[in-house]
Amino acid sequence: TVYLQMNSLKPEDAAVYYCNADAT
């Protein structure tokens, strides 16, 4: 599992956020 803690959010941060993994 990977996490993204987002603080002090701004309007320009609005988006769809996607997770990516380089896996074997």
PDB file of all heavy atoms in Angstrom:
ATOM      1  N   THR A   1       0.827  -1.190   0.000  1.00  0.00           N
ATOM      2  CA  THR A   1       0.000   0.000   0.000  1.00  0.00           C
ATOM      3  C   THR A   1       0.868   1.250   0.000  1.00  0.00           C
ATOM      4  O   THR A   1       1.884   1.311   0.694  1.00  0.00           O
ATOM      5  CB  THR A   1      -0.936   0.018   1.218  1.00  0.00           C
ATOM      6  OG1 THR A   1      -1.804  -1.122   1.161  1.00  0.00           O
ATOM      7  CG2 THR A   1      -1.792   1.278   1.244  1.00  0.00           C
ATOM      8  N   VAL A   2       0.449   2.233  -0.771  1.00  0.00           N
ATOM      9  CA  VAL A   2       1.114   3.525  -0.805  1.00  0.00           C
ATOM     10  C   VAL A   2       0.109   4.589  -0.395  1.00  0.00           C
ATOM     11  O   VAL A   2      -1.094   4.469  -0.668  1.00  0.00           O
ATOM     12  CB  VAL A   2       1.714   3.810  -2.196  1.00  0.00           C
ATOM     13  CG1 VAL A   2       0.627   3.903  -3.260  1.00  0.00           C
ATOM     14  CG2 VAL A   2       2.560   5.076  -2.174  1.00  0.00           C
ATOM     15  N   TYR A   3       0.602   5.621   0.272  1.00  0.00           N
ATOM     16  CA  TYR A   3      -0.248   6.685   0.786  1.00  0.00           C
ATOM     17  C   TYR A   3       0.208   8.034   0.249  1.00  0.00           C
ATOM     18  O   TYR A   3       1.379   8.242  -0.059  1.00  0.00           O
ATOM     19  CB  TYR A   3      -0.195   6.733   2.310  1.00  0.00           C
ATOM     20  CG  TYR A   3      -0.533   5.427   2.979  1.00  0.00           C
ATOM     21  CD1 TYR A   3       0.468   4.534   3.343  1.00  0.00           C
ATOM     22  CD2 TYR A   3      -1.852   5.078   3.243  1.00  0.00           C
ATOM     23  CE1 TYR A   3       0.168   3.334   3.946  1.00  0.00           C
ATOM     24  CE2 TYR A   3      -2.162   3.870   3.847  1.00  0.00           C
ATOM     25  CZ  TYR A   3      -1.153   3.002   4.198  1.00  0.00           C
ATOM     26  OH  TYR A   3      -1.466   1.810   4.797  1.00  0.00           O
ATOM     27  N   LEU A   4      -0.727   8.945   0.166  1.00  0.00           N
ATOM     28  CA  LEU A   4      -0.411  10.326  -0.146  1.00  0.00           C
ATOM     29  C   LEU A   4      -1.132  11.211   0.855  1.00  0.00           C
ATOM     30  O   LEU A   4      -2.359  11.331   0.806  1.00  0.00           O
ATOM     31  CB  LEU A   4      -0.826  10.693  -1.575  1.00  0.00           C
ATOM     32  CG  LEU A   4      -0.444  12.098  -2.026  1.00  0.00           C
ATOM     33  CD1 LEU A   4       1.073  12.235  -2.140  1.00  0.00           C
ATOM     34  CD2 LEU A   4      -1.105  12.442  -3.358  1.00  0.00           C
ATOM     35  N   GLN A   5      -0.375  11.797   1.763  1.00  0.00           N
ATOM     36  CA  GLN A   5      -0.926  12.745   2.716  1.00  0.00           C
ATOM     37  C   GLN A   5      -0.873  14.126   2.092  1.00  0.00           C
ATOM     38  O   GLN A   5       0.208  14.609   1.754  1.00  0.00           O
ATOM     39  CB  GLN A   5      -0.132  12.720   4.021  1.00  0.00           C
ATOM     40  CG  GLN A   5      -0.615  13.717   5.068  1.00  0.00           C
ATOM     41  CD  GLN A   5      -1.987  13.393   5.585  1.00  0.00           C
ATOM     42  OE1 GLN A   5      -2.266  12.253   5.927  1.00  0.00           O
ATOM     43  NE2 GLN A   5      -2.855  14.393   5.645  1.00  0.00           N
ATOM     44  N   MET A   6      -2.017  14.755   1.948  1.00  0.00           N
ATOM     45  CA  MET A   6      -2.111  16.052   1.303  1.00  0.00           C
ATOM     46  C   MET A   6      -2.569  17.080   2.328  1.00  0.00           C
ATOM     47  O   MET A   6      -3.679  16.992   2.858  1.00  0.00           O
ATOM     48  CB  MET A   6      -3.082  16.006   0.122  1.00  0.00           C
ATOM     49  CG  MET A   6      -2.739  14.940  -0.906  1.00  0.00           C
ATOM     50  SD  MET A   6      -3.818  14.994  -2.363  1.00  0.00           S
ATOM     51  CE  MET A   6      -5.375  14.515  -1.610  1.00  0.00           C
ATOM     52  N   ASN A   7      -1.718  18.035   2.603  1.00  0.00           N
ATOM     53  CA  ASN A   7      -2.022  19.104   3.543  1.00  0.00           C
ATOM     54  C   ASN A   7      -2.049  20.445   2.826  1.00  0.00           C
ATOM     55  O   ASN A   7      -1.512  20.595   1.734  1.00  0.00           O
ATOM     56  CB  ASN A   7      -0.979  19.138   4.667  1.00  0.00           C
ATOM     57  CG  ASN A   7      -0.933  17.876   5.484  1.00  0.00           C
ATOM     58  OD1 ASN A   7      -1.961  17.249   5.740  1.00  0.00           O
ATOM     59  ND2 ASN A   7       0.262  17.494   5.923  1.00  0.00           N
ATOM     60  N   SER A   8      -2.652  21.414   3.472  1.00  0.00           N
ATOM     61  CA  SER A   8      -2.718  22.779   2.932  1.00  0.00           C
ATOM     62  C   SER A   8      -3.206  22.786   1.492  1.00  0.00           C
ATOM     63  O   SER A   8      -2.616  23.424   0.616  1.00  0.00           O
ATOM     64  CB  SER A   8      -1.346  23.454   3.037  1.00  0.00           C
ATOM     65  OG  SER A   8      -0.901  23.499   4.381  1.00  0.00           O
ATOM     66  N   LEU A   9      -4.287  22.081   1.259  1.00  0.00           N
ATOM     67  CA  LEU A   9      -4.779  21.920  -0.106  1.00  0.00           C
ATOM     68  C   LEU A   9      -5.233  23.241  -0.704  1.00  0.00           C
ATOM     69  O   LEU A   9      -5.804  24.094  -0.019  1.00  0.00           O
ATOM     70  CB  LEU A   9      -5.919  20.905  -0.130  1.00  0.00           C
ATOM     71  CG  LEU A   9      -5.447  19.452  -0.057  1.00  0.00           C
ATOM     72  CD1 LEU A   9      -6.570  18.535   0.395  1.00  0.00           C
ATOM     73  CD2 LEU A   9      -4.904  19.005  -1.418  1.00  0.00           C
ATOM     74  N   LYS A  10      -4.973  23.376  -1.983  1.00  0.00           N
ATOM     75  CA  LYS A  10      -5.323  24.560  -2.744  1.00  0.00           C
ATOM     76  C   LYS A  10      -6.308  24.186  -3.841  1.00  0.00           C
ATOM     77  O   LYS A  10      -6.351  23.034  -4.270  1.00  0.00           O
ATOM     78  CB  LYS A  10      -4.066  25.171  -3.377  1.00  0.00           C
ATOM     79  CG  LYS A  10      -2.978  25.542  -2.391  1.00  0.00           C
ATOM     80  CD  LYS A  10      -1.732  26.021  -3.125  1.00  0.00           C
ATOM     81  CE  LYS A  10      -0.633  26.402  -2.153  1.00  0.00           C
ATOM     82  NZ  LYS A  10       0.583  26.860  -2.866  1.00  0.00           N
ATOM     83  N   PRO A  11      -7.087  25.143  -4.327  1.00  0.00           N
ATOM     84  CA  PRO A  11      -8.010  24.835  -5.429  1.00  0.00           C
ATOM     85  C   PRO A  11      -7.316  24.217  -6.636  1.00  0.00           C
ATOM     86  O   PRO A  11      -7.903  23.361  -7.305  1.00  0.00           O
ATOM     87  CB  PRO A  11      -8.613  26.199  -5.764  1.00  0.00           C
ATOM     88  CG  PRO A  11      -8.579  26.940  -4.469  1.00  0.00           C
ATOM     89  CD  PRO A  11      -7.283  26.515  -3.823  1.00  0.00           C
ATOM     90  N   GLU A  12      -6.097  24.615  -6.912  1.00  0.00           N
ATOM     91  CA  GLU A  12      -5.380  24.064  -8.049  1.00  0.00           C
ATOM     92  C   GLU A  12      -4.951  22.616  -7.859  1.00  0.00           C
ATOM     93  O   GLU A  12      -4.473  21.980  -8.801  1.00  0.00           O
ATOM     94  CB  GLU A  12      -4.162  24.930  -8.409  1.00  0.00           C
ATOM     95  CG  GLU A  12      -3.256  25.234  -7.237  1.00  0.00           C
ATOM     96  CD  GLU A  12      -3.532  26.595  -6.617  1.00  0.00           C
ATOM     97  OE1 GLU A  12      -4.715  26.938  -6.412  1.00  0.00           O
ATOM     98  OE2 GLU A  12      -2.558  27.331  -6.345  1.00  0.00           O
ATOM     99  N   ASP A  13      -5.114  22.077  -6.652  1.00  0.00           N
ATOM    100  CA  ASP A  13      -4.844  20.666  -6.412  1.00  0.00           C
ATOM    101  C   ASP A  13      -6.007  19.777  -6.835  1.00  0.00           C
ATOM    102  O   ASP A  13      -5.866  18.552  -6.854  1.00  0.00           O
ATOM    103  CB  ASP A  13      -4.547  20.407  -4.935  1.00  0.00           C
ATOM    104  CG  ASP A  13      -3.275  21.079  -4.457  1.00  0.00           C
ATOM    105  OD1 ASP A  13      -2.275  21.064  -5.207  1.00  0.00           O
ATOM    106  OD2 ASP A  13      -3.274  21.611  -3.334  1.00  0.00           O
ATOM    107  N   ALA A  14      -7.151  20.357  -7.128  1.00  0.00           N
ATOM    108  CA  ALA A  14      -8.322  19.573  -7.497  1.00  0.00           C
ATOM    109  C   ALA A  14      -8.054  18.800  -8.782  1.00  0.00           C
ATOM    110  O   ALA A  14      -7.609  19.363  -9.783  1.00  0.00           O
ATOM    111  CB  ALA A  14      -9.539  20.476  -7.662  1.00  0.00           C
ATOM    112  N   ALA A  15      -8.318  17.516  -8.750  1.00  0.00           N
ATOM    113  CA  ALA A  15      -8.052  16.646  -9.887  1.00  0.00           C
ATOM    114  C   ALA A  15      -8.490  15.236  -9.531  1.00  0.00           C
ATOM    115  O   ALA A  15      -8.836  14.945  -8.386  1.00  0.00           O
ATOM    116  CB  ALA A  15      -6.560  16.645 -10.240  1.00  0.00           C
ATOM    117  N   VAL A  16      -8.469  14.367 -10.522  1.00  0.00           N
ATOM    118  CA  VAL A  16      -8.553  12.946 -10.250  1.00  0.00           C
ATOM    119  C   VAL A  16      -7.134  12.455  -9.998  1.00  0.00           C
ATOM    120  O   VAL A  16      -6.239  12.694 -10.811  1.00  0.00           O
ATOM    121  CB  VAL A  16      -9.190  12.164 -11.411  1.00  0.00           C
ATOM    122  CG1 VAL A  16      -9.179  10.667 -11.123  1.00  0.00           C
ATOM    123  CG2 VAL A  16     -10.612  12.649 -11.652  1.00  0.00           C
ATOM    124  N   TYR A  17      -6.940  11.794  -8.880  1.00  0.00           N
ATOM    125  CA  TYR A  17      -5.627  11.298  -8.500  1.00  0.00           C
ATOM    126  C   TYR A  17      -5.541   9.803  -8.782  1.00  0.00           C
ATOM    127  O   TYR A  17      -6.426   9.036  -8.404  1.00  0.00           O
ATOM    128  CB  TYR A  17      -5.358  11.570  -7.018  1.00  0.00           C
ATOM    129  CG  TYR A  17      -4.978  13.004  -6.753  1.00  0.00           C
ATOM    130  CD1 TYR A  17      -5.911  14.027  -6.883  1.00  0.00           C
ATOM    131  CD2 TYR A  17      -3.674  13.342  -6.386  1.00  0.00           C
ATOM    132  CE1 TYR A  17      -5.558  15.349  -6.665  1.00  0.00           C
ATOM    133  CE2 TYR A  17      -3.313  14.653  -6.162  1.00  0.00           C
ATOM    134  CZ  TYR A  17      -4.258  15.655  -6.303  1.00  0.00           C
ATOM    135  OH  TYR A  17      -3.904  16.973  -6.079  1.00  0.00           O
ATOM    136  N   TYR A  18      -4.466   9.419  -9.446  1.00  0.00           N
ATOM    137  CA  TYR A  18      -4.264   8.038  -9.856  1.00  0.00           C
ATOM    138  C   TYR A  18      -3.023   7.458  -9.201  1.00  0.00           C
ATOM    139  O   TYR A  18      -1.986   8.120  -9.119  1.00  0.00           O
ATOM    140  CB  TYR A  18      -4.088   7.937 -11.370  1.00  0.00           C
ATOM    141  CG  TYR A  18      -5.288   8.356 -12.177  1.00  0.00           C
ATOM    142  CD1 TYR A  18      -5.437   9.672 -12.593  1.00  0.00           C
ATOM    143  CD2 TYR A  18      -6.265   7.432 -12.531  1.00  0.00           C
ATOM    144  CE1 TYR A  18      -6.535  10.063 -13.342  1.00  0.00           C
ATOM    145  CE2 TYR A  18      -7.363   7.815 -13.280  1.00  0.00           C
ATOM    146  CZ  TYR A  18      -7.492   9.131 -13.685  1.00  0.00           C
ATOM    147  OH  TYR A  18      -8.576   9.516 -14.433  1.00  0.00           O
ATOM    148  N   CYS A  19      -3.137   6.230  -8.786  1.00  0.00           N
ATOM    149  CA  CYS A  19      -2.008   5.483  -8.261  1.00  0.00           C
ATOM    150  C   CYS A  19      -1.350   4.705  -9.392  1.00  0.00           C
ATOM    151  O   CYS A  19      -2.032   4.169 -10.277  1.00  0.00           O
ATOM    152  CB  CYS A  19      -2.492   4.529  -7.172  1.00  0.00           C
ATOM    153  SG  CYS A  19      -1.229   3.450  -6.481  1.00  0.00           S
ATOM    154  N   ASN A  20      -0.041   4.641  -9.366  1.00  0.00           N
ATOM    155  CA  ASN A  20       0.727   3.881 -10.341  1.00  0.00           C
ATOM    156  C   ASN A  20       1.731   2.993  -9.619  1.00  0.00           C
ATOM    157  O   ASN A  20       2.310   3.401  -8.614  1.00  0.00           O
ATOM    158  CB  ASN A  20       1.459   4.836 -11.293  1.00  0.00           C
ATOM    159  CG  ASN A  20       2.399   4.117 -12.236  1.00  0.00           C
ATOM    160  OD1 ASN A  20       3.592   3.981 -11.964  1.00  0.00           O
ATOM    161  ND2 ASN A  20       1.870   3.649 -13.356  1.00  0.00           N
ATOM    162  N   ALA A  21       1.923   1.801 -10.143  1.00  0.00           N
ATOM    163  CA  ALA A  21       2.900   0.897  -9.561  1.00  0.00           C
ATOM    164  C   ALA A  21       3.718   0.224 -10.650  1.00  0.00           C
ATOM    165  O   ALA A  21       3.169  -0.241 -11.655  1.00  0.00           O
ATOM    166  CB  ALA A  21       2.224  -0.159  -8.691  1.00  0.00           C
ATOM    167  N   ASP A  22       5.002   0.180 -10.435  1.00  0.00           N
ATOM    168  CA  ASP A  22       5.927  -0.576 -11.270  1.00  0.00           C
ATOM    169  C   ASP A  22       6.135  -1.906 -10.552  1.00  0.00           C
ATOM    170  O   ASP A  22       6.834  -1.960  -9.546  1.00  0.00           O
ATOM    171  CB  ASP A  22       7.230   0.195 -11.418  1.00  0.00           C
ATOM    172  CG  ASP A  22       8.294  -0.555 -12.188  1.00  0.00           C
ATOM    173  OD1 ASP A  22       7.967  -1.551 -12.865  1.00  0.00           O
ATOM    174  OD2 ASP A  22       9.469  -0.134 -12.123  1.00  0.00           O
ATOM    175  N   ALA A  23       5.495  -2.946 -11.052  1.00  0.00           N
ATOM    176  CA  ALA A  23       5.463  -4.220 -10.348  1.00  0.00           C
ATOM    177  C   ALA A  23       5.951  -5.353 -11.232  1.00  0.00           C
ATOM    178  O   ALA A  23       5.871  -5.291 -12.457  1.00  0.00           O
ATOM    179  CB  ALA A  23       4.051  -4.525  -9.849  1.00  0.00           C
ATOM    180  N   THR A  24       6.431  -6.391 -10.577  1.00  0.00           N
ATOM    181  CA  THR A  24       6.881  -7.593 -11.247  1.00  0.00           C
ATOM    182  C   THR A  24       6.016  -8.771 -10.817  1.00  0.00           C
ATOM    183  O   THR A  24       5.769  -8.965  -9.624  1.00  0.00           O
ATOM    184  CB  THR A  24       8.349  -7.888 -10.924  1.00  0.00           C
ATOM    185  OG1 THR A  24       9.167  -6.816 -11.402  1.00  0.00           O
ATOM    186  CG2 THR A  24       8.805  -9.184 -11.589  1.00  0.00           C
TER     187      THR A  24
END
